[in-house]
Amino acid sequence: MKAIALLEVQAMVAAITGLDAMVKAADVKLIHVEKRLGGRLVTVVVEGEVSAVKAALEAGALAAREVGKVKCCEVIARPHPDVMKFLTTG
């Protein structure tokens, strides 16, 4: 079953640190990055199997908290196709 994990952090360094931990911890793939407020608020989205995205999000949030502030994190199992369109839009 496919799922996505969203990790929203304050600061680009925390986002990169969290993303690095996520892709190293499990078999997930980066599908979207959203930067707001000049990069002061960053959301990274990865995709994979439910168990993989859960493990990746746990590792990513832990790593990001060591260097910055985690604002929100969430796993969405079987995201609706419209959600995926939203994430892959230019």
N, C-alpha and C. Protein backbone atom coordinates (compact mmCIF):
# COMPACT_ATOMS: atom_id res chain seq x y z
N MET A 1 0.84 -1.17 0.00
CA MET A 1 0.00 0.00 0.00
C MET A 1 0.89 1.24 0.00
N LYS A 2 0.61 2.18 -0.87
CA LYS A 2 1.39 3.41 -0.96
C LYS A 2 0.93 4.42 0.08
N ALA A 3 1.87 5.28 0.48
CA ALA A 3 1.58 6.33 1.44
C ALA A 3 2.53 7.49 1.19
N ILE A 4 2.18 8.64 1.77
CA ILE A 4 3.10 9.77 1.75
C ILE A 4 3.33 10.22 3.19
N ALA A 5 4.48 10.81 3.42
CA ALA A 5 4.81 11.40 4.71
C ALA A 5 5.19 12.85 4.47
N LEU A 6 4.65 13.74 5.29
CA LEU A 6 4.95 15.16 5.21
C LEU A 6 5.68 15.58 6.47
N LEU A 7 6.79 16.27 6.29
CA LEU A 7 7.57 16.79 7.41
C LEU A 7 7.73 18.29 7.19
N GLU A 8 7.14 19.08 8.08
CA GLU A 8 7.22 20.53 7.97
C GLU A 8 8.08 21.05 9.10
N VAL A 9 9.11 21.81 8.72
CA VAL A 9 10.07 22.30 9.70
C VAL A 9 10.32 23.79 9.50
N GLN A 10 10.89 24.37 10.52
CA GLN A 10 11.30 25.76 10.45
C GLN A 10 12.78 25.76 10.09
N ALA A 11 13.14 26.30 8.95
CA ALA A 11 14.52 26.47 8.48
C ALA A 11 14.95 25.37 7.50
N MET A 12 15.66 25.80 6.49
CA MET A 12 16.13 24.91 5.44
C MET A 12 17.09 23.85 5.97
N VAL A 13 17.95 24.20 6.90
CA VAL A 13 18.92 23.23 7.43
C VAL A 13 18.19 22.08 8.11
N ALA A 14 17.16 22.38 8.87
CA ALA A 14 16.38 21.32 9.52
C ALA A 14 15.69 20.45 8.48
N ALA A 15 15.21 21.06 7.40
CA ALA A 15 14.55 20.29 6.33
C ALA A 15 15.52 19.33 5.66
N ILE A 16 16.70 19.81 5.35
CA ILE A 16 17.70 18.95 4.69
C ILE A 16 18.17 17.86 5.62
N THR A 17 18.39 18.19 6.88
CA THR A 17 18.80 17.19 7.87
C THR A 17 17.72 16.12 8.03
N GLY A 18 16.47 16.55 8.13
CA GLY A 18 15.36 15.61 8.26
C GLY A 18 15.20 14.74 7.04
N LEU A 19 15.29 15.35 5.86
CA LEU A 19 15.16 14.59 4.61
C LEU A 19 16.28 13.57 4.48
N ASP A 20 17.49 13.95 4.80
CA ASP A 20 18.62 13.02 4.74
C ASP A 20 18.36 11.80 5.61
N ALA A 21 17.87 12.04 6.82
CA ALA A 21 17.57 10.92 7.73
C ALA A 21 16.43 10.07 7.18
N MET A 22 15.45 10.70 6.56
CA MET A 22 14.30 9.96 6.02
C MET A 22 14.72 8.99 4.92
N VAL A 23 15.49 9.49 3.96
CA VAL A 23 15.85 8.63 2.83
C VAL A 23 16.88 7.58 3.21
N LYS A 24 17.64 7.82 4.27
CA LYS A 24 18.58 6.81 4.76
C LYS A 24 17.91 5.74 5.61
N ALA A 25 16.80 6.11 6.26
CA ALA A 25 16.15 5.19 7.21
C ALA A 25 15.26 4.16 6.54
N ALA A 26 14.72 4.48 5.37
CA ALA A 26 13.74 3.57 4.75
C ALA A 26 13.72 3.77 3.24
N ASP A 27 13.05 2.87 2.58
CA ASP A 27 12.94 2.91 1.12
C ASP A 27 11.82 3.88 0.73
N VAL A 28 12.17 5.18 0.74
CA VAL A 28 11.22 6.23 0.36
C VAL A 28 11.87 7.12 -0.69
N LYS A 29 11.02 7.87 -1.40
CA LYS A 29 11.49 8.74 -2.47
C LYS A 29 10.92 10.13 -2.26
N LEU A 30 11.76 11.15 -2.40
CA LEU A 30 11.31 12.53 -2.30
C LEU A 30 10.43 12.85 -3.51
N ILE A 31 9.22 13.39 -3.26
CA ILE A 31 8.34 13.74 -4.37
C ILE A 31 7.99 15.22 -4.41
N HIS A 32 8.21 15.95 -3.31
CA HIS A 32 7.82 17.35 -3.30
C HIS A 32 8.54 18.11 -2.19
N VAL A 33 8.88 19.36 -2.50
CA VAL A 33 9.43 20.28 -1.50
C VAL A 33 8.67 21.59 -1.65
N GLU A 34 8.21 22.11 -0.55
CA GLU A 34 7.48 23.38 -0.54
C GLU A 34 8.20 24.34 0.40
N LYS A 35 8.61 25.49 -0.13
CA LYS A 35 9.30 26.50 0.68
C LYS A 35 8.42 27.73 0.81
N ARG A 36 8.25 28.20 2.01
CA ARG A 36 7.46 29.40 2.28
C ARG A 36 8.28 30.35 3.14
N LEU A 37 7.88 31.58 3.13
CA LEU A 37 8.54 32.61 3.94
C LEU A 37 10.03 32.66 3.68
N GLY A 38 10.41 32.61 2.42
CA GLY A 38 11.82 32.69 2.06
C GLY A 38 12.65 31.52 2.54
N GLY A 39 12.04 30.36 2.68
CA GLY A 39 12.77 29.18 3.14
C GLY A 39 12.77 29.00 4.64
N ARG A 40 12.07 29.89 5.34
CA ARG A 40 12.02 29.75 6.80
C ARG A 40 11.03 28.67 7.23
N LEU A 41 10.12 28.28 6.34
CA LEU A 41 9.19 27.19 6.61
C LEU A 41 9.25 26.26 5.40
N VAL A 42 9.66 25.03 5.63
CA VAL A 42 9.88 24.08 4.54
C VAL A 42 9.13 22.78 4.84
N THR A 43 8.44 22.28 3.82
CA THR A 43 7.76 20.98 3.92
C THR A 43 8.36 20.05 2.89
N VAL A 44 8.77 18.88 3.32
CA VAL A 44 9.25 17.85 2.40
C VAL A 44 8.25 16.70 2.43
N VAL A 45 8.02 16.10 1.26
CA VAL A 45 7.07 15.01 1.13
C VAL A 45 7.78 13.83 0.49
N VAL A 46 7.69 12.67 1.14
CA VAL A 46 8.26 11.44 0.59
C VAL A 46 7.15 10.44 0.36
N GLU A 47 7.44 9.47 -0.50
CA GLU A 47 6.46 8.47 -0.89
C GLU A 47 7.08 7.08 -0.74
N GLY A 48 6.24 6.10 -0.40
CA GLY A 48 6.69 4.72 -0.30
C GLY A 48 5.59 3.88 0.31
N GLU A 49 5.97 2.69 0.74
CA GLU A 49 5.02 1.83 1.44
C GLU A 49 4.74 2.41 2.83
N VAL A 50 3.58 2.09 3.39
CA VAL A 50 3.16 2.68 4.66
C VAL A 50 4.22 2.49 5.74
N SER A 51 4.71 1.29 5.91
CA SER A 51 5.69 1.03 6.96
C SER A 51 6.98 1.82 6.73
N ALA A 52 7.36 1.97 5.47
CA ALA A 52 8.58 2.72 5.15
C ALA A 52 8.42 4.21 5.43
N VAL A 53 7.28 4.78 5.05
CA VAL A 53 7.12 6.22 5.29
C VAL A 53 6.97 6.51 6.78
N LYS A 54 6.37 5.60 7.53
CA LYS A 54 6.28 5.80 8.98
C LYS A 54 7.67 5.78 9.61
N ALA A 55 8.49 4.82 9.23
CA ALA A 55 9.85 4.74 9.76
C ALA A 55 10.67 5.96 9.33
N ALA A 56 10.52 6.35 8.08
CA ALA A 56 11.25 7.51 7.57
C ALA A 56 10.85 8.78 8.30
N LEU A 57 9.56 8.97 8.51
CA LEU A 57 9.09 10.18 9.19
C LEU A 57 9.58 10.24 10.62
N GLU A 58 9.57 9.12 11.29
CA GLU A 58 10.07 9.08 12.67
C GLU A 58 11.54 9.49 12.72
N ALA A 59 12.35 8.92 11.83
CA ALA A 59 13.77 9.25 11.78
C ALA A 59 13.99 10.70 11.36
N GLY A 60 13.22 11.17 10.38
CA GLY A 60 13.38 12.53 9.90
C GLY A 60 13.01 13.57 10.94
N ALA A 61 11.92 13.36 11.64
CA ALA A 61 11.49 14.29 12.67
C ALA A 61 12.50 14.35 13.81
N LEU A 62 13.02 13.20 14.20
CA LEU A 62 14.03 13.14 15.26
C LEU A 62 15.28 13.92 14.87
N ALA A 63 15.75 13.70 13.66
CA ALA A 63 16.96 14.39 13.19
C ALA A 63 16.72 15.89 13.04
N ALA A 64 15.58 16.27 12.52
CA ALA A 64 15.28 17.69 12.32
C ALA A 64 15.17 18.42 13.65
N ARG A 65 14.63 17.75 14.67
CA ARG A 65 14.49 18.37 16.00
C ARG A 65 15.84 18.67 16.62
N GLU A 66 16.87 17.95 16.22
CA GLU A 66 18.20 18.18 16.78
C GLU A 66 18.81 19.49 16.29
N VAL A 67 18.38 19.98 15.13
CA VAL A 67 18.98 21.20 14.58
C VAL A 67 17.98 22.33 14.38
N GLY A 68 16.69 22.07 14.58
CA GLY A 68 15.68 23.10 14.34
C GLY A 68 14.36 22.73 14.99
N LYS A 69 13.31 23.33 14.49
CA LYS A 69 11.98 23.13 15.06
C LYS A 69 11.08 22.42 14.06
N VAL A 70 10.48 21.32 14.49
CA VAL A 70 9.51 20.59 13.67
C VAL A 70 8.14 21.21 13.94
N LYS A 71 7.49 21.69 12.88
CA LYS A 71 6.17 22.31 13.03
C LYS A 71 5.06 21.27 12.96
N CYS A 72 5.19 20.29 12.05
CA CYS A 72 4.14 19.30 11.87
C CYS A 72 4.69 18.11 11.09
N CYS A 73 4.16 16.94 11.36
CA CYS A 73 4.51 15.77 10.55
C CYS A 73 3.29 14.85 10.50
N GLU A 74 3.12 14.22 9.34
CA GLU A 74 1.92 13.41 9.13
C GLU A 74 2.17 12.34 8.08
N VAL A 75 1.55 11.18 8.28
CA VAL A 75 1.55 10.11 7.28
C VAL A 75 0.13 10.00 6.73
N ILE A 76 0.02 9.93 5.42
CA ILE A 76 -1.28 9.73 4.77
C ILE A 76 -1.20 8.45 3.95
N ALA A 77 -1.92 7.43 4.39
CA ALA A 77 -1.96 6.17 3.66
C ALA A 77 -2.96 6.28 2.52
N ARG A 78 -2.63 5.68 1.39
CA ARG A 78 -3.48 5.67 0.22
C ARG A 78 -4.04 7.06 -0.10
N PRO A 79 -3.16 8.04 -0.34
CA PRO A 79 -3.67 9.39 -0.63
C PRO A 79 -4.53 9.40 -1.89
N HIS A 80 -5.55 10.21 -1.86
CA HIS A 80 -6.46 10.35 -3.00
C HIS A 80 -5.68 10.89 -4.20
N PRO A 81 -6.02 10.48 -5.42
CA PRO A 81 -5.32 10.97 -6.61
C PRO A 81 -5.27 12.50 -6.72
N ASP A 82 -6.30 13.20 -6.21
CA ASP A 82 -6.28 14.66 -6.25
C ASP A 82 -5.21 15.24 -5.34
N VAL A 83 -4.94 14.56 -4.24
CA VAL A 83 -3.86 15.00 -3.36
C VAL A 83 -2.52 14.87 -4.07
N MET A 84 -2.35 13.78 -4.78
CA MET A 84 -1.11 13.58 -5.53
C MET A 84 -0.95 14.61 -6.65
N LYS A 85 -2.04 14.99 -7.29
CA LYS A 85 -1.99 16.04 -8.31
C LYS A 85 -1.52 17.35 -7.68
N PHE A 86 -2.01 17.66 -6.51
CA PHE A 86 -1.63 18.87 -5.80
C PHE A 86 -0.13 18.88 -5.53
N LEU A 87 0.42 17.73 -5.16
CA LEU A 87 1.84 17.64 -4.82
C LEU A 87 2.75 17.67 -6.04
N THR A 88 2.25 17.25 -7.17
CA THR A 88 3.10 17.18 -8.36
C THR A 88 2.88 18.35 -9.32
N THR A 89 2.07 19.32 -8.92
CA THR A 89 1.83 20.49 -9.76
C THR A 89 3.02 21.43 -9.65
N GLY A 90 3.49 21.93 -10.81
CA GLY A 90 4.60 22.86 -10.93
C GLY A 90 4.81 23.70 -9.75
